[in-house]
Protein backbone atom coordinates (compact mmCIF):
# COMPACT_ATOMS: atom_id res chain seq x y z
CA MET A 1 62.34 56.11 243.36
CA LYS A 2 63.28 58.37 240.47
CA THR A 3 66.64 57.92 238.74
CA TYR A 4 68.76 60.95 237.98
CA THR A 5 71.28 61.66 235.25
CA PRO A 6 74.00 62.01 236.42
CA PRO A 7 73.32 59.82 239.46
CA LEU A 8 72.97 61.47 242.86
CA ALA A 9 76.35 62.33 244.35
CA THR A 10 77.51 60.53 247.49
CA HIS A 11 80.98 62.06 247.87
CA PRO A 12 80.92 65.18 250.11
CA HIS A 13 83.39 67.04 247.87
CA ASP A 14 81.30 66.58 244.73
CA PRO A 15 79.88 69.94 243.53
CA LEU A 16 76.37 68.43 243.36
CA TYR A 17 76.50 66.89 246.84
CA ARG A 18 74.44 69.57 248.64
CA VAL A 19 71.63 69.67 246.10
CA ASP A 20 71.60 65.87 245.89
CA LYS A 21 71.41 65.67 249.68
CA ALA A 22 68.43 68.05 249.53
CA ILE A 23 66.73 65.77 247.00
CA GLN A 24 67.28 62.74 249.23
CA THR A 25 65.91 64.63 252.24
CA ALA A 26 62.87 65.82 250.29
CA GLN A 27 62.22 62.27 249.08
CA LEU A 28 62.39 60.96 252.65
CA ARG A 29 59.99 63.71 253.76
CA LEU A 30 57.56 62.76 251.00
CA ASP A 31 57.77 59.06 251.88
CA ALA A 32 57.13 59.89 255.54
CA ALA A 33 54.12 62.04 254.60
CA ILE A 34 52.66 59.25 252.47
CA ASP A 35 53.16 56.76 255.32
CA ALA A 36 51.53 59.18 257.74
CA LYS A 37 48.51 59.44 255.45
CA ARG A 38 48.04 55.69 255.66
CA HIS A 39 48.06 55.72 259.46
CA HIS A 40 46.22 58.90 260.39
CA THR A 41 42.56 59.79 260.22
CA SER A 42 43.05 63.45 259.29
CA GLN A 43 43.10 63.07 255.53
CA ASN A 44 42.99 66.83 254.88
CA LEU A 45 46.12 67.42 256.94
CA ALA A 46 47.82 64.45 255.29
CA HIS A 47 47.03 65.80 251.82
CA ALA A 48 48.42 69.21 252.77
CA VAL A 49 51.64 67.66 254.08
CA ILE A 50 52.03 65.50 250.97
CA LYS A 51 51.45 68.51 248.73
CA GLU A 52 54.08 70.48 250.65
CA ALA A 53 56.55 67.57 250.49
CA ARG A 54 56.06 67.18 246.73
CA GLU A 55 56.63 70.91 246.27
CA GLY A 56 59.86 70.66 248.28
CA LEU A 57 61.04 67.75 246.14
CA ARG A 58 60.21 69.65 242.95
CA LYS A 59 62.18 72.69 244.15
CA ALA A 60 65.15 70.51 245.12
CA GLU A 61 65.13 68.91 241.66
CA GLN A 62 65.02 72.35 240.02
CA ALA A 63 67.97 73.46 242.18
CA ARG A 64 69.88 70.41 240.97
CA VAL A 65 69.24 71.29 237.34
CA LEU A 66 70.49 74.83 237.95
CA LYS A 67 73.59 73.53 239.76
CA ILE A 68 74.38 71.14 236.89
CA LYS A 69 74.12 74.04 234.43
CA GLU A 70 76.37 76.17 236.67
CA VAL A 71 79.01 73.42 236.93
CA ALA A 72 78.90 72.84 233.16
CA LEU A 73 79.30 76.57 232.51
CA LYS A 74 82.31 76.76 234.85
CA ALA A 75 83.86 73.73 233.13
CA ALA A 76 83.34 75.30 229.71
CA GLU A 77 84.86 78.60 230.87
CA SER A 78 87.91 76.87 232.31
CA ALA A 79 88.32 74.84 229.11
CA VAL A 80 88.26 78.05 227.04
CA GLU A 81 90.81 79.71 229.33
CA SER A 82 93.12 76.72 229.28
CA ALA A 83 92.97 76.65 225.47
CA ARG A 84 94.30 80.21 225.30
């Protein structure tokens, strides 16, 4: 499993919790699709499901990057305002 910096949030009040939960869900979906490929005869369907699951994981990771940038921007803005 991929490691993330900062690590995936587990506290529900963490600002990254929702996007991190989406990453965990997408990873579970991908793992399930890979397992299904091993056990089913329809390889074309399995490949399509795996491709879709990987795309979902990629989108969730991009959403996390955007959320981290948003949180950092808010922190920088509040630091500037508190310095005034």
